Amino acid sequence: MRFNHKYKAFTLTETVFGLIISSVLIGVIYTVFTSFNKQFIIFQKQQLITNDYTVFNTTFNEDLYKAVTLDYSDETLHLKRYDETEIYYSFKNDTIKRAHNAHVETLFSKVISCTFEKKEHHFAISLKLQLHDEIIDLNYYKKNTLNQTINTAFIEEMK
């Protein structure tokens, strides 16, 4: 009795070539994945910087816009609104803290410099902040409204 069964299978060289091709393909996929992952981490860091800046800038601009009176003393900016609510920005210990209605928020991790100028017709606030690894210069201006200028002149005349 003769058994002449042929099994359909790959030869040794076909198997080796298949392994080589699949290992090259896995290497390329791994390289693309690590490159994509590094780019995603860089993008995520940039988004954090942008989001932190946007939150601070929007909040600070809105508070300045709605403020009726501004006062700066002892590294604290005091804003008072028409509805008598008060907001305090503290620029101490390398951070900016915003206090409003018993809520305290820390906005930035490092304040390099802060200057406040009170002029006859406007207020100027200059901030130099380190946000993550980047240094950002910010300048804010608030013009005195006409009624504030008249009230200030009237109060000075009364003295």
N, C-alpha and C. Protein backbone atom coordinates (compact mmCIF):
# COMPACT_ATOMS: atom_id res chain seq x y z
N MET A 1 0.81 -1.16 0.00
CA MET A 1 0.00 0.00 0.00
C MET A 1 0.87 1.24 0.00
N ARG A 2 0.51 2.02 -0.88
CA ARG A 2 1.25 3.25 -1.02
C ARG A 2 0.43 4.44 -0.60
N PHE A 3 1.01 5.20 0.27
CA PHE A 3 0.32 6.43 0.69
C PHE A 3 0.99 7.60 0.00
N ASN A 4 0.29 8.17 -0.85
CA ASN A 4 0.82 9.31 -1.59
C ASN A 4 -0.09 10.52 -1.37
N HIS A 5 -0.13 10.96 -0.14
CA HIS A 5 -0.95 12.14 0.18
C HIS A 5 -0.08 13.38 0.10
N LYS A 6 -0.56 14.36 -0.60
CA LYS A 6 0.15 15.63 -0.66
C LYS A 6 -0.59 16.63 0.22
N TYR A 7 0.19 17.21 1.11
CA TYR A 7 -0.38 18.25 1.97
C TYR A 7 -0.06 19.60 1.34
N LYS A 8 -1.07 20.45 1.32
CA LYS A 8 -0.86 21.78 0.78
C LYS A 8 -0.35 22.66 1.92
N ALA A 9 0.86 23.18 1.78
CA ALA A 9 1.47 24.01 2.81
C ALA A 9 2.50 24.92 2.16
N PHE A 10 3.00 25.86 2.98
CA PHE A 10 4.03 26.78 2.49
C PHE A 10 5.40 26.11 2.65
N THR A 11 6.28 26.49 1.76
CA THR A 11 7.65 25.99 1.90
C THR A 11 8.37 26.84 2.94
N LEU A 12 9.55 26.39 3.31
CA LEU A 12 10.32 27.10 4.33
C LEU A 12 10.70 28.50 3.86
N THR A 13 11.07 28.68 2.61
CA THR A 13 11.45 30.01 2.10
C THR A 13 10.24 30.94 2.06
N GLU A 14 9.08 30.42 1.70
CA GLU A 14 7.89 31.26 1.71
C GLU A 14 7.55 31.72 3.13
N THR A 15 7.71 30.85 4.08
CA THR A 15 7.44 31.21 5.48
C THR A 15 8.43 32.25 5.97
N VAL A 16 9.71 32.12 5.64
CA VAL A 16 10.71 33.09 6.06
C VAL A 16 10.43 34.44 5.43
N PHE A 17 10.12 34.49 4.15
CA PHE A 17 9.78 35.75 3.49
C PHE A 17 8.53 36.38 4.10
N GLY A 18 7.56 35.58 4.43
CA GLY A 18 6.36 36.09 5.09
C GLY A 18 6.67 36.71 6.44
N LEU A 19 7.54 36.06 7.20
CA LEU A 19 7.95 36.61 8.50
C LEU A 19 8.72 37.92 8.33
N ILE A 20 9.60 37.98 7.36
CA ILE A 20 10.37 39.20 7.11
C ILE A 20 9.45 40.35 6.72
N ILE A 21 8.53 40.10 5.82
CA ILE A 21 7.61 41.15 5.38
C ILE A 21 6.72 41.61 6.54
N SER A 22 6.23 40.67 7.33
CA SER A 22 5.36 41.06 8.46
C SER A 22 6.15 41.82 9.53
N SER A 23 7.42 41.44 9.77
CA SER A 23 8.21 42.16 10.77
C SER A 23 8.54 43.58 10.28
N VAL A 24 8.82 43.75 8.99
CA VAL A 24 9.04 45.10 8.45
C VAL A 24 7.76 45.92 8.57
N LEU A 25 6.64 45.32 8.26
CA LEU A 25 5.35 46.01 8.36
C LEU A 25 5.06 46.42 9.81
N ILE A 26 5.32 45.54 10.77
CA ILE A 26 5.12 45.86 12.19
C ILE A 26 6.07 46.98 12.62
N GLY A 27 7.32 46.97 12.13
CA GLY A 27 8.27 48.03 12.45
C GLY A 27 7.82 49.38 11.93
N VAL A 28 7.29 49.42 10.71
CA VAL A 28 6.79 50.67 10.13
C VAL A 28 5.58 51.17 10.91
N ILE A 29 4.69 50.28 11.26
CA ILE A 29 3.50 50.68 12.03
C ILE A 29 3.91 51.21 13.40
N TYR A 30 4.87 50.57 14.05
CA TYR A 30 5.34 51.03 15.35
C TYR A 30 5.98 52.41 15.25
N THR A 31 6.79 52.64 14.22
CA THR A 31 7.43 53.94 14.02
C THR A 31 6.38 55.02 13.78
N VAL A 32 5.40 54.74 12.95
CA VAL A 32 4.35 55.72 12.69
C VAL A 32 3.56 55.99 13.97
N PHE A 33 3.27 54.96 14.74
CA PHE A 33 2.51 55.13 15.98
C PHE A 33 3.28 55.98 16.99
N THR A 34 4.57 55.73 17.19
CA THR A 34 5.35 56.53 18.15
C THR A 34 5.48 57.98 17.68
N SER A 35 5.66 58.18 16.37
CA SER A 35 5.74 59.54 15.84
C SER A 35 4.41 60.26 16.05
N PHE A 36 3.31 59.60 15.78
CA PHE A 36 1.99 60.19 15.98
C PHE A 36 1.77 60.50 17.46
N ASN A 37 2.20 59.61 18.34
CA ASN A 37 2.03 59.81 19.77
C ASN A 37 2.83 61.03 20.25
N LYS A 38 4.06 61.21 19.76
CA LYS A 38 4.86 62.38 20.13
C LYS A 38 4.20 63.67 19.65
N GLN A 39 3.69 63.67 18.44
CA GLN A 39 3.01 64.85 17.90
C GLN A 39 1.74 65.16 18.70
N PHE A 40 1.04 64.13 19.11
CA PHE A 40 -0.16 64.33 19.91
C PHE A 40 0.17 64.94 21.27
N ILE A 41 1.26 64.52 21.88
CA ILE A 41 1.67 65.08 23.18
C ILE A 41 2.04 66.56 23.02
N ILE A 42 2.75 66.90 21.94
CA ILE A 42 3.09 68.30 21.67
C ILE A 42 1.82 69.12 21.44
N PHE A 43 0.89 68.59 20.67
CA PHE A 43 -0.38 69.27 20.41
C PHE A 43 -1.17 69.47 21.71
N GLN A 44 -1.19 68.45 22.55
CA GLN A 44 -1.92 68.53 23.81
C GLN A 44 -1.33 69.62 24.71
N LYS A 45 -0.01 69.72 24.75
CA LYS A 45 0.66 70.75 25.56
C LYS A 45 0.31 72.15 25.03
N GLN A 46 0.31 72.31 23.70
CA GLN A 46 -0.06 73.60 23.12
C GLN A 46 -1.51 73.95 23.41
N GLN A 47 -2.38 72.96 23.39
CA GLN A 47 -3.79 73.19 23.70
C GLN A 47 -3.96 73.61 25.16
N LEU A 48 -3.20 73.01 26.07
CA LEU A 48 -3.27 73.41 27.48
C LEU A 48 -2.86 74.86 27.66
N ILE A 49 -1.78 75.25 26.99
CA ILE A 49 -1.32 76.64 27.06
C ILE A 49 -2.39 77.57 26.50
N THR A 50 -2.95 77.24 25.36
CA THR A 50 -3.98 78.06 24.73
C THR A 50 -5.22 78.16 25.60
N ASN A 51 -5.65 77.05 26.16
CA ASN A 51 -6.84 77.06 27.01
C ASN A 51 -6.63 77.87 28.28
N ASP A 52 -5.47 77.70 28.93
CA ASP A 52 -5.19 78.47 30.14
C ASP A 52 -5.15 79.96 29.84
N TYR A 53 -4.50 80.33 28.75
CA TYR A 53 -4.44 81.74 28.37
C TYR A 53 -5.83 82.28 28.05
N THR A 54 -6.62 81.53 27.31
CA THR A 54 -7.94 81.99 26.91
C THR A 54 -8.85 82.18 28.12
N VAL A 55 -8.81 81.26 29.06
CA VAL A 55 -9.63 81.39 30.26
C VAL A 55 -9.23 82.63 31.05
N PHE A 56 -7.93 82.82 31.26
CA PHE A 56 -7.48 84.00 32.00
C PHE A 56 -7.84 85.28 31.27
N ASN A 57 -7.51 85.35 29.99
CA ASN A 57 -7.72 86.57 29.22
C ASN A 57 -9.20 86.94 29.16
N THR A 58 -10.05 85.97 28.92
CA THR A 58 -11.49 86.24 28.84
C THR A 58 -12.04 86.71 30.18
N THR A 59 -11.66 86.03 31.24
CA THR A 59 -12.15 86.40 32.58
C THR A 59 -11.65 87.78 32.97
N PHE A 60 -10.37 88.04 32.76
CA PHE A 60 -9.79 89.32 33.16
C PHE A 60 -10.38 90.47 32.34
N ASN A 61 -10.53 90.27 31.03
CA ASN A 61 -11.13 91.31 30.18
C ASN A 61 -12.57 91.60 30.60
N GLU A 62 -13.32 90.57 30.89
CA GLU A 62 -14.71 90.77 31.30
C GLU A 62 -14.78 91.51 32.65
N ASP A 63 -13.92 91.12 33.58
CA ASP A 63 -13.91 91.79 34.87
C ASP A 63 -13.50 93.26 34.73
N LEU A 64 -12.52 93.54 33.89
CA LEU A 64 -12.12 94.94 33.66
C LEU A 64 -13.23 95.74 32.99
N TYR A 65 -13.89 95.12 32.03
CA TYR A 65 -14.96 95.81 31.31
C TYR A 65 -16.12 96.17 32.23
N LYS A 66 -16.47 95.26 33.13
CA LYS A 66 -17.61 95.47 34.02
C LYS A 66 -17.26 96.27 35.27
N ALA A 67 -15.99 96.55 35.46
CA ALA A 67 -15.57 97.26 36.68
C ALA A 67 -15.88 98.74 36.57
N VAL A 68 -16.36 99.29 37.68
CA VAL A 68 -16.61 100.72 37.76
C VAL A 68 -15.40 101.41 38.37
N THR A 69 -14.85 100.81 39.42
CA THR A 69 -13.67 101.37 40.05
C THR A 69 -12.56 100.33 40.09
N LEU A 70 -11.36 100.82 39.96
CA LEU A 70 -10.17 99.97 40.05
C LEU A 70 -9.25 100.57 41.09
N ASP A 71 -8.65 99.71 41.88
CA ASP A 71 -7.69 100.17 42.86
C ASP A 71 -6.61 99.10 42.98
N TYR A 72 -5.37 99.54 43.02
CA TYR A 72 -4.25 98.60 43.12
C TYR A 72 -3.41 98.98 44.32
N SER A 73 -3.28 98.05 45.26
CA SER A 73 -2.42 98.29 46.41
C SER A 73 -1.97 96.94 46.96
N ASP A 74 -0.75 96.90 47.42
CA ASP A 74 -0.18 95.71 48.05
C ASP A 74 -0.32 94.48 47.15
N GLU A 75 0.04 94.64 45.88
CA GLU A 75 0.01 93.57 44.88
C GLU A 75 -1.38 92.94 44.71
N THR A 76 -2.42 93.73 44.98
CA THR A 76 -3.79 93.25 44.82
C THR A 76 -4.57 94.28 44.01
N LEU A 77 -5.25 93.79 42.98
CA LEU A 77 -6.11 94.63 42.15
C LEU A 77 -7.55 94.45 42.63
N HIS A 78 -8.18 95.54 43.01
CA HIS A 78 -9.54 95.52 43.54
C HIS A 78 -10.46 96.11 42.48
N LEU A 79 -11.42 95.32 42.01
CA LEU A 79 -12.39 95.77 41.02
C LEU A 79 -13.77 95.79 41.66
N LYS A 80 -14.49 96.87 41.44
CA LYS A 80 -15.84 96.97 41.96
C LYS A 80 -16.79 97.22 40.80
N ARG A 81 -17.88 96.46 40.76
CA ARG A 81 -18.85 96.57 39.68
C ARG A 81 -20.01 97.47 40.08
N TYR A 82 -20.89 97.76 39.11
CA TYR A 82 -22.07 98.57 39.38
C TYR A 82 -22.99 97.91 40.40
N ASP A 83 -23.07 96.59 40.37
CA ASP A 83 -23.97 95.89 41.29
C ASP A 83 -23.33 95.65 42.66
N GLU A 84 -22.25 96.38 42.94
CA GLU A 84 -21.56 96.36 44.23
C GLU A 84 -20.80 95.05 44.50
N THR A 85 -20.72 94.16 43.54
CA THR A 85 -19.87 92.97 43.74
C THR A 85 -18.41 93.37 43.57
N GLU A 86 -17.58 92.70 44.31
CA GLU A 86 -16.16 93.03 44.30
C GLU A 86 -15.35 91.81 43.87
N ILE A 87 -14.32 92.08 43.09
CA ILE A 87 -13.42 91.03 42.61
C ILE A 87 -12.01 91.46 42.97
N TYR A 88 -11.26 90.54 43.51
CA TYR A 88 -9.87 90.81 43.88
C TYR A 88 -8.95 89.91 43.07
N TYR A 89 -7.95 90.52 42.46
CA TYR A 89 -6.88 89.76 41.81
C TYR A 89 -5.62 89.97 42.63
N SER A 90 -5.07 88.91 43.13
CA SER A 90 -3.85 88.97 43.93
C SER A 90 -2.68 88.45 43.11
N PHE A 91 -1.60 89.22 43.05
CA PHE A 91 -0.42 88.87 42.27
C PHE A 91 0.74 88.51 43.18
N LYS A 92 0.48 87.76 44.23
CA LYS A 92 1.51 87.40 45.21
C LYS A 92 1.98 85.97 44.99
N ASN A 93 3.20 85.71 45.48
CA ASN A 93 3.77 84.36 45.50
C ASN A 93 3.76 83.69 44.13
N ASP A 94 4.08 84.45 43.11
CA ASP A 94 4.21 83.93 41.74
C ASP A 94 2.93 83.34 41.17
N THR A 95 1.77 83.73 41.69
CA THR A 95 0.51 83.25 41.13
C THR A 95 -0.48 84.40 41.03
N ILE A 96 -1.51 84.19 40.25
CA ILE A 96 -2.62 85.12 40.19
C ILE A 96 -3.81 84.40 40.80
N LYS A 97 -4.37 85.02 41.84
CA LYS A 97 -5.56 84.45 42.47
C LYS A 97 -6.71 85.42 42.26
N ARG A 98 -7.84 84.88 41.86
CA ARG A 98 -9.05 85.68 41.65
C ARG A 98 -10.05 85.30 42.72
N ALA A 99 -10.46 86.27 43.51
CA ALA A 99 -11.44 86.04 44.56
C ALA A 99 -12.72 86.79 44.21
N HIS A 100 -13.83 86.05 44.19
CA HIS A 100 -15.12 86.61 43.84
C HIS A 100 -16.21 85.82 44.54
N ASN A 101 -16.98 86.48 45.38
CA ASN A 101 -18.09 85.83 46.10
C ASN A 101 -17.67 84.56 46.84
N ALA A 102 -16.64 84.65 47.61
CA ALA A 102 -16.12 83.54 48.43
C ALA A 102 -15.53 82.40 47.60
N HIS A 103 -15.36 82.60 46.31
CA HIS A 103 -14.69 81.63 45.45
C HIS A 103 -13.29 82.14 45.15
N VAL A 104 -12.31 81.28 45.28
CA VAL A 104 -10.93 81.66 44.98
C VAL A 104 -10.43 80.73 43.88
N GLU A 105 -9.92 81.33 42.82
CA GLU A 105 -9.37 80.57 41.70
C GLU A 105 -7.91 80.95 41.50
N THR A 106 -7.06 79.98 41.31
CA THR A 106 -5.67 80.24 40.95
C THR A 106 -5.57 80.12 39.44
N LEU A 107 -5.12 81.19 38.79
CA LEU A 107 -5.18 81.23 37.34
C LEU A 107 -3.86 80.89 36.66
N PHE A 108 -2.75 81.35 37.19
CA PHE A 108 -1.47 81.07 36.55
C PHE A 108 -0.48 80.57 37.59
N SER A 109 0.47 79.80 37.11
CA SER A 109 1.43 79.23 38.05
C SER A 109 2.61 80.15 38.31
N LYS A 110 2.93 81.09 37.42
CA LYS A 110 4.09 81.95 37.65
C LYS A 110 3.87 83.33 37.07
N VAL A 111 3.96 84.34 37.93
CA VAL A 111 3.89 85.73 37.50
C VAL A 111 5.30 86.30 37.60
N ILE A 112 5.85 86.71 36.47
CA ILE A 112 7.21 87.25 36.45
C ILE A 112 7.20 88.71 36.89
N SER A 113 6.28 89.50 36.33
CA SER A 113 6.18 90.90 36.74
C SER A 113 4.76 91.39 36.54
N CYS A 114 4.42 92.41 37.34
CA CYS A 114 3.10 93.01 37.25
C CYS A 114 3.24 94.50 37.55
N THR A 115 2.78 95.35 36.64
CA THR A 115 2.80 96.79 36.88
C THR A 115 1.40 97.34 36.66
N PHE A 116 1.06 98.32 37.47
CA PHE A 116 -0.25 98.96 37.42
C PHE A 116 -0.02 100.46 37.41
N GLU A 117 -0.54 101.14 36.39
CA GLU A 117 -0.40 102.59 36.28
C GLU A 117 -1.78 103.23 36.27
N LYS A 118 -1.95 104.19 37.14
CA LYS A 118 -3.20 104.94 37.19
C LYS A 118 -2.92 106.33 36.64
N LYS A 119 -3.47 106.59 35.46
CA LYS A 119 -3.27 107.89 34.82
C LYS A 119 -4.57 108.69 34.91
N GLU A 120 -4.54 109.88 34.36
CA GLU A 120 -5.71 110.75 34.48
C GLU A 120 -6.93 110.19 33.75
N HIS A 121 -6.72 109.62 32.57
CA HIS A 121 -7.87 109.18 31.78
C HIS A 121 -7.95 107.67 31.58
N HIS A 122 -6.98 106.93 32.11
CA HIS A 122 -7.04 105.48 31.92
C HIS A 122 -6.17 104.76 32.96
N PHE A 123 -6.39 103.47 33.03
CA PHE A 123 -5.57 102.59 33.84
C PHE A 123 -4.82 101.66 32.89
N ALA A 124 -3.58 101.35 33.21
CA ALA A 124 -2.78 100.43 32.40
C ALA A 124 -2.24 99.33 33.30
N ILE A 125 -2.46 98.10 32.87
CA ILE A 125 -1.98 96.94 33.62
C ILE A 125 -1.09 96.14 32.68
N SER A 126 0.14 95.89 33.10
CA SER A 126 1.07 95.08 32.31
C SER A 126 1.46 93.85 33.11
N LEU A 127 1.30 92.71 32.50
CA LEU A 127 1.64 91.45 33.15
C LEU A 127 2.64 90.70 32.29
N LYS A 128 3.59 90.07 32.94
CA LYS A 128 4.51 89.17 32.26
C LYS A 128 4.37 87.83 32.98
N LEU A 129 3.86 86.85 32.25
CA LEU A 129 3.52 85.56 32.85
C LEU A 129 4.31 84.43 32.20
N GLN A 130 4.62 83.43 33.00
CA GLN A 130 5.19 82.21 32.45
C GLN A 130 4.10 81.15 32.50
N LEU A 131 3.64 80.80 31.34
CA LEU A 131 2.58 79.81 31.21
C LEU A 131 3.19 78.54 30.66
N HIS A 132 3.29 77.53 31.50
CA HIS A 132 3.99 76.29 31.21
C HIS A 132 5.44 76.63 30.89
N ASP A 133 5.88 76.54 29.64
CA ASP A 133 7.27 76.86 29.31
C ASP A 133 7.41 78.17 28.54
N GLU A 134 6.30 78.84 28.27
CA GLU A 134 6.34 80.05 27.46
C GLU A 134 6.12 81.29 28.30
N ILE A 135 6.78 82.38 27.91
CA ILE A 135 6.62 83.66 28.60
C ILE A 135 5.72 84.54 27.73
N ILE A 136 4.67 85.09 28.36
CA ILE A 136 3.67 85.87 27.65
C ILE A 136 3.60 87.27 28.26
N ASP A 137 3.67 88.29 27.41
CA ASP A 137 3.49 89.68 27.85
C ASP A 137 2.06 90.10 27.54
N LEU A 138 1.36 90.60 28.56
CA LEU A 138 -0.03 91.03 28.40
C LEU A 138 -0.16 92.47 28.84
N ASN A 139 -0.90 93.26 28.09
CA ASN A 139 -1.16 94.66 28.43
C ASN A 139 -2.66 94.90 28.35
N TYR A 140 -3.21 95.48 29.41
CA TYR A 140 -4.63 95.78 29.48
C TYR A 140 -4.81 97.26 29.78
N TYR A 141 -5.82 97.86 29.16
CA TYR A 141 -6.12 99.27 29.36
C TYR A 141 -7.60 99.42 29.67
N LYS A 142 -7.89 100.29 30.58
CA LYS A 142 -9.28 100.61 30.91
C LYS A 142 -9.40 102.11 30.94
N LYS A 143 -10.20 102.64 30.02
CA LYS A 143 -10.43 104.08 29.98
C LYS A 143 -11.41 104.46 31.07
N ASN A 144 -11.16 105.60 31.67
CA ASN A 144 -12.14 106.14 32.61
C ASN A 144 -13.35 106.62 31.81
N THR A 145 -14.52 106.29 32.29
CA THR A 145 -15.71 106.80 31.63
C THR A 145 -15.86 108.28 31.95
N LEU A 146 -16.66 108.95 31.18
CA LEU A 146 -16.85 110.39 31.38
C LEU A 146 -17.39 110.70 32.77
N ASN A 147 -18.34 109.89 33.25
CA ASN A 147 -18.90 110.17 34.57
C ASN A 147 -17.87 109.93 35.67
N GLN A 148 -16.96 108.98 35.48
CA GLN A 148 -15.90 108.78 36.47
C GLN A 148 -14.96 109.99 36.51
N THR A 149 -14.63 110.52 35.35
CA THR A 149 -13.75 111.69 35.28
C THR A 149 -14.41 112.90 35.94
N ILE A 150 -15.72 113.09 35.66
CA ILE A 150 -16.44 114.22 36.27
C ILE A 150 -16.54 114.04 37.77
N ASN A 151 -16.86 112.83 38.22
CA ASN A 151 -16.96 112.57 39.66
C ASN A 151 -15.62 112.80 40.37
N THR A 152 -14.54 112.35 39.76
CA THR A 152 -13.22 112.54 40.35
C THR A 152 -12.89 114.03 40.44
N ALA A 153 -13.17 114.78 39.39
CA ALA A 153 -12.90 116.22 39.40
C ALA A 153 -13.77 116.92 40.43
N PHE A 154 -15.03 116.51 40.54
CA PHE A 154 -15.94 117.13 41.51
C PHE A 154 -15.48 116.84 42.94
N ILE A 155 -15.08 115.62 43.21
CA ILE A 155 -14.62 115.25 44.55
C ILE A 155 -13.35 116.01 44.90
N GLU A 156 -12.44 116.18 43.94
CA GLU A 156 -11.21 116.92 44.20
C GLU A 156 -11.49 118.40 44.46
N GLU A 157 -12.50 118.96 43.77
CA GLU A 157 -12.85 120.35 43.99
C GLU A 157 -13.47 120.55 45.38
N MET A 158 -14.20 119.54 45.84
CA MET A 158 -14.86 119.64 47.14
C MET A 158 -13.86 119.59 48.29
N LYS A 159 -12.70 119.01 48.05
CA LYS A 159 -11.69 118.89 49.12
C LYS A 159 -11.09 120.17 49.41
